[in-house]
Amino acid sequence: MPSAMIPSKPFYYLRHGQTDWNRDLRWQGQTDVPLNDTGRQQAEDAQKCLVGLPITHLVSSPLSRARETADIVNAVLGLPITDHPGLMEVGFGVMEGSHHSLGDYTNRWRTEGYTPDGAESFAVFTDRVLTTLAQLLHADGTPLIVAHGGVFWPIQDALGLAVNGNLPNARPVMVYPTEQGWDWATL
């Protein structure tokens, strides 16, 4: 989906807090791995960065690590919150649960069309994420999207955001249009 189909309006994005699989460098995908105590603390720390921002509502991936992160930050925001299946992490298929040391197949998946058995192709995943983002930004208000590191990949690609590596766990960012395109800032 071209970025022209994404409405030019700011939004906030928050990757979920840490899980044991993040800590252990395992691919999570759509396996529903819960937050660990560090992840809960990270979500509590993120609250401070979000208070007073013009966020009108939260939209979360339904996976528990994202939803619990959303619930924790929303304890101080007190805003409407909904789950959206379009924000689920990519289905990594047979790679889910495997250790990152098996190789960074994600670069091949993103750039060469390699798709592990049972996984979503990057094209299908990108369409799902960008269609969801467009829907969310066409609606009224300014959302805080609480999702996953992988969900941010198609967003950064489509909007031309210069992001080195993955977003850190539970570190909010603002994504906003500029005269030259799009930019982002860590809060």
N, C-alpha and C. Protein backbone atom coordinates (compact mmCIF):
# COMPACT_ATOMS: atom_id res chain seq x y z
N MET A 1 0.85 -1.18 0.00
CA MET A 1 0.00 0.00 0.00
C MET A 1 0.89 1.23 0.00
N PRO A 2 0.70 2.13 -0.94
CA PRO A 2 1.51 3.35 -0.97
C PRO A 2 1.22 4.23 0.25
N SER A 3 2.24 4.96 0.68
CA SER A 3 2.05 5.83 1.84
C SER A 3 1.01 6.92 1.55
N ALA A 4 0.73 7.20 0.28
CA ALA A 4 -0.28 8.20 -0.06
C ALA A 4 -1.66 7.79 0.44
N MET A 5 -1.88 6.49 0.65
CA MET A 5 -3.17 6.03 1.14
C MET A 5 -3.26 6.12 2.66
N ILE A 6 -2.13 6.43 3.31
CA ILE A 6 -2.11 6.61 4.75
C ILE A 6 -2.41 8.09 5.01
N PRO A 7 -3.49 8.38 5.75
CA PRO A 7 -3.80 9.79 6.03
C PRO A 7 -2.63 10.49 6.73
N SER A 8 -2.39 11.72 6.33
CA SER A 8 -1.29 12.52 6.91
C SER A 8 -1.73 13.12 8.23
N LYS A 9 -1.66 12.33 9.27
CA LYS A 9 -1.95 12.83 10.61
C LYS A 9 -1.09 12.07 11.61
N PRO A 10 -0.73 12.73 12.69
CA PRO A 10 0.18 12.10 13.65
C PRO A 10 -0.50 10.97 14.41
N PHE A 11 0.35 10.06 14.88
CA PHE A 11 -0.11 8.99 15.76
C PHE A 11 1.04 8.60 16.67
N TYR A 12 0.72 7.89 17.71
CA TYR A 12 1.71 7.40 18.67
C TYR A 12 1.78 5.89 18.56
N TYR A 13 2.98 5.35 18.81
CA TYR A 13 3.20 3.91 18.70
C TYR A 13 3.99 3.44 19.90
N LEU A 14 3.59 2.30 20.43
CA LEU A 14 4.27 1.72 21.59
C LEU A 14 4.40 0.22 21.38
N ARG A 15 5.64 -0.24 21.30
CA ARG A 15 5.88 -1.68 21.27
C ARG A 15 5.66 -2.21 22.68
N HIS A 16 5.13 -3.41 22.78
CA HIS A 16 4.85 -4.02 24.08
C HIS A 16 6.10 -4.12 24.94
N GLY A 17 5.90 -4.32 26.25
CA GLY A 17 7.01 -4.54 27.17
C GLY A 17 7.66 -5.90 26.95
N GLN A 18 8.76 -6.11 27.63
CA GLN A 18 9.55 -7.32 27.47
C GLN A 18 8.81 -8.58 27.91
N THR A 19 9.08 -9.67 27.20
CA THR A 19 8.62 -11.00 27.57
C THR A 19 9.85 -11.86 27.81
N ASP A 20 9.65 -13.05 28.36
CA ASP A 20 10.78 -13.97 28.53
C ASP A 20 11.39 -14.32 27.18
N TRP A 21 10.57 -14.43 26.13
CA TRP A 21 11.11 -14.76 24.81
C TRP A 21 11.91 -13.60 24.23
N ASN A 22 11.52 -12.34 24.51
CA ASN A 22 12.37 -11.21 24.10
C ASN A 22 13.72 -11.33 24.79
N ARG A 23 13.67 -11.53 26.09
CA ARG A 23 14.90 -11.63 26.89
C ARG A 23 15.80 -12.75 26.37
N ASP A 24 15.18 -13.89 26.01
CA ASP A 24 15.94 -15.07 25.57
C ASP A 24 16.22 -15.07 24.07
N LEU A 25 15.87 -13.98 23.38
CA LEU A 25 16.10 -13.83 21.93
C LEU A 25 15.44 -14.95 21.12
N ARG A 26 14.16 -15.15 21.39
CA ARG A 26 13.37 -16.12 20.64
C ARG A 26 12.32 -15.38 19.80
N TRP A 27 12.07 -15.89 18.59
CA TRP A 27 11.03 -15.32 17.73
C TRP A 27 9.68 -15.65 18.33
N GLN A 28 8.85 -14.63 18.58
CA GLN A 28 7.54 -14.84 19.20
C GLN A 28 6.43 -15.00 18.17
N GLY A 29 6.38 -14.08 17.22
CA GLY A 29 5.29 -14.13 16.25
C GLY A 29 3.95 -14.05 16.94
N GLN A 30 3.04 -14.91 16.54
CA GLN A 30 1.70 -14.89 17.11
C GLN A 30 1.53 -15.83 18.29
N THR A 31 2.63 -16.45 18.75
CA THR A 31 2.58 -17.21 19.99
C THR A 31 2.29 -16.22 21.11
N ASP A 32 1.33 -16.51 21.95
CA ASP A 32 0.87 -15.54 22.94
C ASP A 32 1.72 -15.62 24.21
N VAL A 33 2.89 -15.02 24.14
CA VAL A 33 3.83 -15.00 25.26
C VAL A 33 3.52 -13.78 26.12
N PRO A 34 3.30 -13.97 27.44
CA PRO A 34 2.93 -12.83 28.30
C PRO A 34 4.13 -11.96 28.66
N LEU A 35 3.83 -10.76 29.15
CA LEU A 35 4.88 -9.90 29.69
C LEU A 35 5.54 -10.57 30.89
N ASN A 36 6.80 -10.27 31.10
CA ASN A 36 7.45 -10.67 32.34
C ASN A 36 7.47 -9.44 33.26
N ASP A 37 8.07 -9.59 34.44
CA ASP A 37 8.07 -8.48 35.40
C ASP A 37 8.80 -7.25 34.85
N THR A 38 9.87 -7.47 34.11
CA THR A 38 10.58 -6.35 33.48
C THR A 38 9.67 -5.63 32.50
N GLY A 39 8.91 -6.38 31.71
CA GLY A 39 7.99 -5.79 30.74
C GLY A 39 6.90 -4.98 31.41
N ARG A 40 6.41 -5.47 32.54
CA ARG A 40 5.39 -4.70 33.27
C ARG A 40 5.98 -3.39 33.79
N GLN A 41 7.21 -3.45 34.29
CA GLN A 41 7.86 -2.24 34.78
C GLN A 41 8.11 -1.27 33.62
N GLN A 42 8.52 -1.79 32.48
CA GLN A 42 8.73 -0.93 31.30
C GLN A 42 7.44 -0.22 30.91
N ALA A 43 6.32 -0.93 30.97
CA ALA A 43 5.03 -0.31 30.64
C ALA A 43 4.68 0.77 31.64
N GLU A 44 4.96 0.51 32.92
CA GLU A 44 4.71 1.54 33.93
C GLU A 44 5.60 2.76 33.68
N ASP A 45 6.84 2.53 33.31
CA ASP A 45 7.75 3.65 33.01
C ASP A 45 7.26 4.45 31.80
N ALA A 46 6.66 3.77 30.83
CA ALA A 46 6.16 4.46 29.63
C ALA A 46 5.00 5.41 29.96
N GLN A 47 4.29 5.14 31.05
CA GLN A 47 3.17 6.00 31.42
C GLN A 47 3.59 7.46 31.50
N LYS A 48 4.75 7.71 32.10
CA LYS A 48 5.24 9.08 32.31
C LYS A 48 5.40 9.84 30.99
N CYS A 49 5.80 9.12 29.94
CA CYS A 49 6.02 9.76 28.64
C CYS A 49 4.72 10.08 27.92
N LEU A 50 3.63 9.46 28.32
CA LEU A 50 2.37 9.57 27.58
C LEU A 50 1.36 10.53 28.20
N VAL A 51 1.54 10.84 29.47
CA VAL A 51 0.60 11.73 30.16
C VAL A 51 0.67 13.12 29.53
N GLY A 52 -0.49 13.69 29.23
CA GLY A 52 -0.58 15.04 28.71
C GLY A 52 -0.48 15.14 27.20
N LEU A 53 -0.24 14.03 26.51
CA LEU A 53 -0.18 14.06 25.05
C LEU A 53 -1.60 14.06 24.47
N PRO A 54 -1.77 14.54 23.24
CA PRO A 54 -3.11 14.62 22.66
C PRO A 54 -3.66 13.28 22.15
N ILE A 55 -3.42 12.22 22.89
CA ILE A 55 -3.93 10.89 22.55
C ILE A 55 -5.41 10.83 22.93
N THR A 56 -6.24 10.35 22.01
CA THR A 56 -7.68 10.28 22.28
C THR A 56 -8.18 8.87 22.57
N HIS A 57 -7.41 7.86 22.15
CA HIS A 57 -7.82 6.47 22.36
C HIS A 57 -6.63 5.55 22.10
N LEU A 58 -6.74 4.32 22.61
CA LEU A 58 -5.71 3.31 22.40
C LEU A 58 -6.28 2.21 21.54
N VAL A 59 -5.44 1.66 20.67
CA VAL A 59 -5.79 0.51 19.86
C VAL A 59 -4.65 -0.48 20.03
N SER A 60 -5.00 -1.71 20.40
CA SER A 60 -3.98 -2.70 20.76
C SER A 60 -4.10 -3.96 19.93
N SER A 61 -2.96 -4.58 19.73
CA SER A 61 -2.96 -5.97 19.26
C SER A 61 -3.67 -6.80 20.32
N PRO A 62 -4.42 -7.83 19.92
CA PRO A 62 -5.08 -8.66 20.92
C PRO A 62 -4.16 -9.63 21.64
N LEU A 63 -2.91 -9.78 21.21
CA LEU A 63 -1.99 -10.67 21.92
C LEU A 63 -1.73 -10.10 23.31
N SER A 64 -1.66 -10.97 24.31
CA SER A 64 -1.65 -10.53 25.71
C SER A 64 -0.49 -9.61 26.04
N ARG A 65 0.69 -9.77 25.42
CA ARG A 65 1.81 -8.91 25.75
C ARG A 65 1.54 -7.46 25.35
N ALA A 66 0.85 -7.26 24.24
CA ALA A 66 0.49 -5.91 23.82
C ALA A 66 -0.69 -5.39 24.63
N ARG A 67 -1.69 -6.23 24.80
CA ARG A 67 -2.88 -5.76 25.53
C ARG A 67 -2.57 -5.42 26.98
N GLU A 68 -1.72 -6.23 27.63
CA GLU A 68 -1.37 -5.90 29.01
C GLU A 68 -0.57 -4.60 29.06
N THR A 69 0.32 -4.39 28.11
CA THR A 69 1.06 -3.12 28.03
C THR A 69 0.08 -1.96 27.88
N ALA A 70 -0.90 -2.12 26.99
CA ALA A 70 -1.91 -1.07 26.79
C ALA A 70 -2.70 -0.82 28.07
N ASP A 71 -3.08 -1.88 28.75
CA ASP A 71 -3.84 -1.72 29.99
C ASP A 71 -3.03 -0.99 31.05
N ILE A 72 -1.73 -1.32 31.14
CA ILE A 72 -0.89 -0.66 32.14
C ILE A 72 -0.74 0.83 31.84
N VAL A 73 -0.43 1.19 30.60
CA VAL A 73 -0.28 2.63 30.31
C VAL A 73 -1.62 3.35 30.39
N ASN A 74 -2.68 2.65 30.10
CA ASN A 74 -4.00 3.28 30.14
C ASN A 74 -4.50 3.51 31.56
N ALA A 75 -3.84 2.90 32.54
CA ALA A 75 -4.24 3.12 33.93
C ALA A 75 -4.11 4.59 34.30
N VAL A 76 -3.18 5.32 33.67
CA VAL A 76 -3.05 6.75 33.95
C VAL A 76 -3.71 7.62 32.88
N LEU A 77 -3.97 7.05 31.70
CA LEU A 77 -4.59 7.84 30.64
C LEU A 77 -6.11 7.82 30.72
N GLY A 78 -6.68 6.67 31.09
CA GLY A 78 -8.13 6.55 31.23
C GLY A 78 -8.90 6.78 29.94
N LEU A 79 -8.39 6.25 28.84
CA LEU A 79 -9.00 6.46 27.53
C LEU A 79 -9.67 5.20 27.01
N PRO A 80 -10.55 5.33 26.02
CA PRO A 80 -11.13 4.13 25.41
C PRO A 80 -10.01 3.28 24.79
N ILE A 81 -10.16 1.97 24.92
CA ILE A 81 -9.17 1.06 24.37
C ILE A 81 -9.88 -0.08 23.66
N THR A 82 -9.39 -0.41 22.48
CA THR A 82 -9.95 -1.52 21.71
C THR A 82 -8.83 -2.39 21.17
N ASP A 83 -9.16 -3.64 20.91
CA ASP A 83 -8.23 -4.57 20.27
C ASP A 83 -8.51 -4.59 18.77
N HIS A 84 -7.46 -4.75 17.98
CA HIS A 84 -7.62 -4.86 16.53
C HIS A 84 -6.75 -6.00 16.03
N PRO A 85 -7.34 -7.02 15.42
CA PRO A 85 -6.55 -8.17 14.95
C PRO A 85 -5.53 -7.82 13.88
N GLY A 86 -5.73 -6.71 13.18
CA GLY A 86 -4.77 -6.29 12.17
C GLY A 86 -3.44 -5.85 12.75
N LEU A 87 -3.39 -5.67 14.07
CA LEU A 87 -2.15 -5.25 14.73
C LEU A 87 -1.37 -6.41 15.34
N MET A 88 -1.86 -7.64 15.11
CA MET A 88 -1.12 -8.80 15.63
C MET A 88 0.25 -8.89 14.97
N GLU A 89 1.19 -9.43 15.72
CA GLU A 89 2.52 -9.65 15.17
C GLU A 89 2.43 -10.59 13.98
N VAL A 90 3.45 -10.56 13.13
CA VAL A 90 3.50 -11.44 11.98
C VAL A 90 3.49 -12.89 12.45
N GLY A 91 2.79 -13.73 11.70
CA GLY A 91 2.86 -15.16 11.96
C GLY A 91 4.19 -15.67 11.41
N PHE A 92 5.11 -16.05 12.30
CA PHE A 92 6.44 -16.50 11.88
C PHE A 92 6.50 -17.98 11.56
N GLY A 93 5.35 -18.67 11.65
CA GLY A 93 5.32 -20.09 11.27
C GLY A 93 6.28 -20.93 12.09
N VAL A 94 7.05 -21.77 11.40
CA VAL A 94 7.94 -22.72 12.09
C VAL A 94 9.05 -22.02 12.86
N MET A 95 9.26 -20.74 12.61
CA MET A 95 10.32 -20.01 13.31
C MET A 95 9.92 -19.60 14.73
N GLU A 96 8.62 -19.60 15.03
CA GLU A 96 8.17 -19.17 16.35
C GLU A 96 8.74 -20.08 17.42
N GLY A 97 9.34 -19.45 18.42
CA GLY A 97 9.98 -20.17 19.51
C GLY A 97 11.45 -20.45 19.26
N SER A 98 11.91 -20.31 18.01
CA SER A 98 13.31 -20.58 17.73
C SER A 98 14.19 -19.41 18.18
N HIS A 99 15.44 -19.72 18.40
CA HIS A 99 16.40 -18.74 18.90
C HIS A 99 16.92 -17.89 17.74
N HIS A 100 17.15 -16.63 17.99
CA HIS A 100 17.67 -15.72 16.96
C HIS A 100 19.00 -16.20 16.40
N SER A 101 19.74 -17.00 17.15
CA SER A 101 21.05 -17.47 16.69
C SER A 101 20.94 -18.38 15.47
N LEU A 102 19.73 -18.83 15.16
CA LEU A 102 19.54 -19.66 13.97
C LEU A 102 19.70 -18.84 12.69
N GLY A 103 19.87 -17.56 12.83
CA GLY A 103 20.07 -16.70 11.66
C GLY A 103 18.97 -15.67 11.56
N ASP A 104 19.34 -14.54 11.02
CA ASP A 104 18.35 -13.47 10.87
C ASP A 104 17.62 -13.67 9.55
N TYR A 105 16.64 -14.56 9.57
CA TYR A 105 15.86 -14.79 8.36
C TYR A 105 14.97 -13.60 8.05
N THR A 106 14.74 -12.69 9.02
CA THR A 106 13.81 -11.60 8.78
C THR A 106 14.28 -10.67 7.68
N ASN A 107 15.58 -10.48 7.53
CA ASN A 107 16.07 -9.65 6.44
C ASN A 107 15.73 -10.29 5.10
N ARG A 108 15.94 -11.58 4.98
CA ARG A 108 15.57 -12.29 3.74
C ARG A 108 14.06 -12.25 3.54
N TRP A 109 13.29 -12.36 4.61
CA TRP A 109 11.83 -12.34 4.54
C TRP A 109 11.35 -10.97 4.07
N ARG A 110 11.98 -9.90 4.58
CA ARG A 110 11.56 -8.53 4.23
C ARG A 110 12.01 -8.11 2.84
N THR A 111 13.18 -8.57 2.38
CA THR A 111 13.74 -8.04 1.15
C THR A 111 13.79 -9.02 -0.01
N GLU A 112 13.77 -10.34 0.27
CA GLU A 112 13.94 -11.32 -0.79
C GLU A 112 12.73 -12.21 -1.02
N GLY A 113 11.69 -12.03 -0.24
CA GLY A 113 10.49 -12.85 -0.42
C GLY A 113 10.56 -14.23 0.21
N TYR A 114 11.61 -14.51 0.99
CA TYR A 114 11.71 -15.79 1.69
C TYR A 114 10.62 -15.87 2.74
N THR A 115 9.86 -16.95 2.76
CA THR A 115 8.81 -17.13 3.76
C THR A 115 8.93 -18.52 4.38
N PRO A 116 9.24 -18.60 5.69
CA PRO A 116 9.34 -19.89 6.35
C PRO A 116 8.00 -20.64 6.30
N ASP A 117 8.05 -21.94 6.43
CA ASP A 117 6.83 -22.76 6.43
C ASP A 117 5.84 -22.24 7.47
N GLY A 118 4.60 -22.05 7.03
CA GLY A 118 3.52 -21.63 7.92
C GLY A 118 3.53 -20.15 8.27
N ALA A 119 4.47 -19.38 7.73
CA ALA A 119 4.56 -17.96 8.06
C ALA A 119 3.78 -17.12 7.05
N GLU A 120 3.46 -15.89 7.46
CA GLU A 120 2.88 -14.91 6.54
C GLU A 120 3.99 -14.40 5.64
N SER A 121 3.69 -14.18 4.40
CA SER A 121 4.67 -13.52 3.53
C SER A 121 4.76 -12.06 3.97
N PHE A 122 5.89 -11.43 3.66
CA PHE A 122 6.03 -10.02 4.02
C PHE A 122 5.01 -9.17 3.29
N ALA A 123 4.68 -9.54 2.05
CA ALA A 123 3.69 -8.78 1.28
C ALA A 123 2.31 -8.84 1.93
N VAL A 124 1.90 -10.02 2.36
CA VAL A 124 0.59 -10.18 3.02
C VAL A 124 0.58 -9.44 4.35
N PHE A 125 1.64 -9.60 5.11
CA PHE A 125 1.77 -8.92 6.40
C PHE A 125 1.73 -7.40 6.22
N THR A 126 2.48 -6.90 5.26
CA THR A 126 2.52 -5.46 4.99
C THR A 126 1.14 -4.94 4.63
N ASP A 127 0.43 -5.65 3.78
CA ASP A 127 -0.92 -5.23 3.41
C ASP A 127 -1.83 -5.17 4.63
N ARG A 128 -1.75 -6.19 5.49
CA ARG A 128 -2.58 -6.23 6.70
C ARG A 128 -2.28 -5.04 7.60
N VAL A 129 -1.01 -4.78 7.85
CA VAL A 129 -0.62 -3.70 8.77
C VAL A 129 -0.99 -2.34 8.20
N LEU A 130 -0.67 -2.10 6.93
CA LEU A 130 -0.93 -0.77 6.36
C LEU A 130 -2.42 -0.52 6.15
N THR A 131 -3.18 -1.55 5.83
CA THR A 131 -4.64 -1.40 5.75
C THR A 131 -5.20 -1.02 7.12
N THR A 132 -4.70 -1.67 8.17
CA THR A 132 -5.13 -1.36 9.53
C THR A 132 -4.75 0.06 9.91
N LEU A 133 -3.50 0.45 9.62
CA LEU A 133 -3.06 1.81 9.94
C LEU A 133 -3.92 2.85 9.24
N ALA A 134 -4.21 2.63 7.96
CA ALA A 134 -5.05 3.57 7.22
C ALA A 134 -6.43 3.68 7.86
N GLN A 135 -7.02 2.55 8.25
CA GLN A 135 -8.33 2.57 8.92
C GLN A 135 -8.27 3.38 10.21
N LEU A 136 -7.22 3.13 11.00
CA LEU A 136 -7.11 3.82 12.28
C LEU A 136 -6.92 5.32 12.11
N LEU A 137 -6.17 5.72 11.09
CA LEU A 137 -5.91 7.15 10.90
C LEU A 137 -7.05 7.85 10.16
N HIS A 138 -7.89 7.11 9.46
CA HIS A 138 -9.08 7.73 8.85
C HIS A 138 -10.13 8.05 9.91
N ALA A 139 -10.09 7.36 11.03
CA ALA A 139 -11.04 7.61 12.12
C ALA A 139 -10.68 8.91 12.83
N ASP A 140 -11.63 9.43 13.56
CA ASP A 140 -11.40 10.65 14.34
C ASP A 140 -10.40 10.40 15.46
N GLY A 141 -9.72 11.43 15.86
CA GLY A 141 -8.84 11.37 17.02
C GLY A 141 -7.41 10.99 16.68
N THR A 142 -6.62 10.93 17.74
CA THR A 142 -5.20 10.59 17.63
C THR A 142 -4.94 9.33 18.45
N PRO A 143 -4.64 8.22 17.77
CA PRO A 143 -4.48 6.97 18.50
C PRO A 143 -3.08 6.75 19.07
N LEU A 144 -3.04 5.99 20.14
CA LEU A 144 -1.82 5.33 20.60
C LEU A 144 -1.99 3.88 20.18
N ILE A 145 -1.13 3.43 19.27
CA ILE A 145 -1.15 2.06 18.78
C ILE A 145 -0.18 1.25 19.63
N VAL A 146 -0.68 0.21 20.27
CA VAL A 146 0.17 -0.65 21.11
C VAL A 146 0.25 -2.00 20.42
N ALA A 147 1.45 -2.31 19.92
CA ALA A 147 1.58 -3.53 19.12
C ALA A 147 2.98 -4.12 19.29
N HIS A 148 3.61 -4.47 18.19
CA HIS A 148 4.81 -5.29 18.19
C HIS A 148 5.91 -4.66 17.35
N GLY A 149 7.15 -5.10 17.59
CA GLY A 149 8.27 -4.61 16.82
C GLY A 149 8.12 -4.88 15.34
N GLY A 150 7.68 -6.10 15.01
CA GLY A 150 7.50 -6.45 13.61
C GLY A 150 6.42 -5.64 12.92
N VAL A 151 5.38 -5.28 13.64
CA VAL A 151 4.29 -4.49 13.05
C VAL A 151 4.81 -3.11 12.63
N PHE A 152 5.83 -2.63 13.30
CA PHE A 152 6.38 -1.32 12.93
C PHE A 152 7.20 -1.38 11.64
N TRP A 153 7.71 -2.55 11.26
CA TRP A 153 8.54 -2.66 10.05
C TRP A 153 7.82 -2.17 8.79
N PRO A 154 6.60 -2.65 8.47
CA PRO A 154 5.94 -2.13 7.27
C PRO A 154 5.60 -0.64 7.37
N ILE A 155 5.31 -0.19 8.59
CA ILE A 155 5.01 1.23 8.78
C ILE A 155 6.24 2.06 8.47
N GLN A 156 7.38 1.68 9.03
CA GLN A 156 8.59 2.46 8.77
C GLN A 156 8.99 2.40 7.31
N ASP A 157 8.79 1.25 6.66
CA ASP A 157 9.11 1.14 5.24
C ASP A 157 8.20 2.04 4.39
N ALA A 158 6.90 1.96 4.64
CA ALA A 158 5.93 2.71 3.84
C ALA A 158 6.05 4.22 4.03
N LEU A 159 6.39 4.63 5.26
CA LEU A 159 6.46 6.06 5.55
C LEU A 159 7.87 6.62 5.40
N GLY A 160 8.82 5.76 5.05
CA GLY A 160 10.19 6.21 4.85
C GLY A 160 10.88 6.67 6.12
N LEU A 161 10.58 6.01 7.24
CA LEU A 161 11.18 6.40 8.51
C LEU A 161 12.55 5.75 8.66
N ALA A 162 13.52 6.53 9.04
CA ALA A 162 14.88 6.02 9.25
C ALA A 162 14.96 5.45 10.67
N VAL A 163 14.81 4.14 10.78
CA VAL A 163 14.85 3.47 12.08
C VAL A 163 15.98 2.46 12.03
N ASN A 164 16.91 2.56 12.96
CA ASN A 164 18.00 1.60 13.05
C ASN A 164 17.58 0.45 13.94
N GLY A 165 17.45 -0.75 13.38
CA GLY A 165 17.07 -1.91 14.18
C GLY A 165 15.61 -1.88 14.58
N ASN A 166 15.31 -2.57 15.66
CA ASN A 166 13.95 -2.66 16.17
C ASN A 166 13.66 -1.57 17.19
N LEU A 167 12.40 -1.23 17.32
CA LEU A 167 12.01 -0.34 18.41
C LEU A 167 12.28 -1.05 19.73
N PRO A 168 12.75 -0.33 20.74
CA PRO A 168 12.92 -0.97 22.05
C PRO A 168 11.56 -1.27 22.67
N ASN A 169 11.57 -2.21 23.59
CA ASN A 169 10.33 -2.55 24.29
C ASN A 169 9.83 -1.36 25.10
N ALA A 170 8.53 -1.10 24.95
CA ALA A 170 7.79 -0.11 25.76
C ALA A 170 8.44 1.27 25.79
N ARG A 171 8.96 1.68 24.66
CA ARG A 171 9.48 3.05 24.52
C ARG A 171 8.62 3.77 23.49
N PRO A 172 7.71 4.66 23.93
CA PRO A 172 6.77 5.28 22.99
C PRO A 172 7.46 6.19 21.97
N VAL A 173 6.86 6.21 20.78
CA VAL A 173 7.33 7.11 19.72
C VAL A 173 6.12 7.85 19.16
N MET A 174 6.40 9.02 18.60
CA MET A 174 5.39 9.77 17.86
C MET A 174 5.80 9.73 16.40
N VAL A 175 4.85 9.45 15.53
CA VAL A 175 5.07 9.45 14.08
C VAL A 175 4.21 10.58 13.53
N TYR A 176 4.81 11.44 12.70
CA TYR A 176 4.08 12.63 12.27
C TYR A 176 4.47 13.03 10.85
N PRO A 177 3.51 13.61 10.12
CA PRO A 177 3.81 14.09 8.76
C PRO A 177 4.59 15.40 8.81
N THR A 178 5.45 15.59 7.81
CA THR A 178 6.18 16.83 7.63
C THR A 178 5.99 17.28 6.19
N GLU A 179 6.52 18.43 5.85
CA GLU A 179 6.43 18.88 4.45
C GLU A 179 7.20 17.97 3.51
N GLN A 180 8.23 17.29 4.05
CA GLN A 180 9.05 16.41 3.22
C GLN A 180 8.57 14.96 3.23
N GLY A 181 7.58 14.63 4.03
CA GLY A 181 7.10 13.24 4.12
C GLY A 181 6.67 12.90 5.53
N TRP A 182 7.41 12.00 6.19
CA TRP A 182 7.11 11.58 7.55
C TRP A 182 8.37 11.57 8.37
N ASP A 183 8.19 11.72 9.69
CA ASP A 183 9.31 11.63 10.61
C ASP A 183 8.81 10.98 11.89
N TRP A 184 9.71 10.73 12.79
CA TRP A 184 9.33 10.12 14.06
C TRP A 184 10.28 10.59 15.15
N ALA A 185 9.82 10.51 16.39
CA ALA A 185 10.63 10.91 17.52
C ALA A 185 10.32 10.00 18.70
N THR A 186 11.36 9.60 19.40
CA THR A 186 11.17 8.84 20.63
C THR A 186 10.75 9.81 21.73
N LEU A 187 9.79 9.40 22.52
CA LEU A 187 9.30 10.28 23.60
C LEU A 187 10.07 10.04 24.87
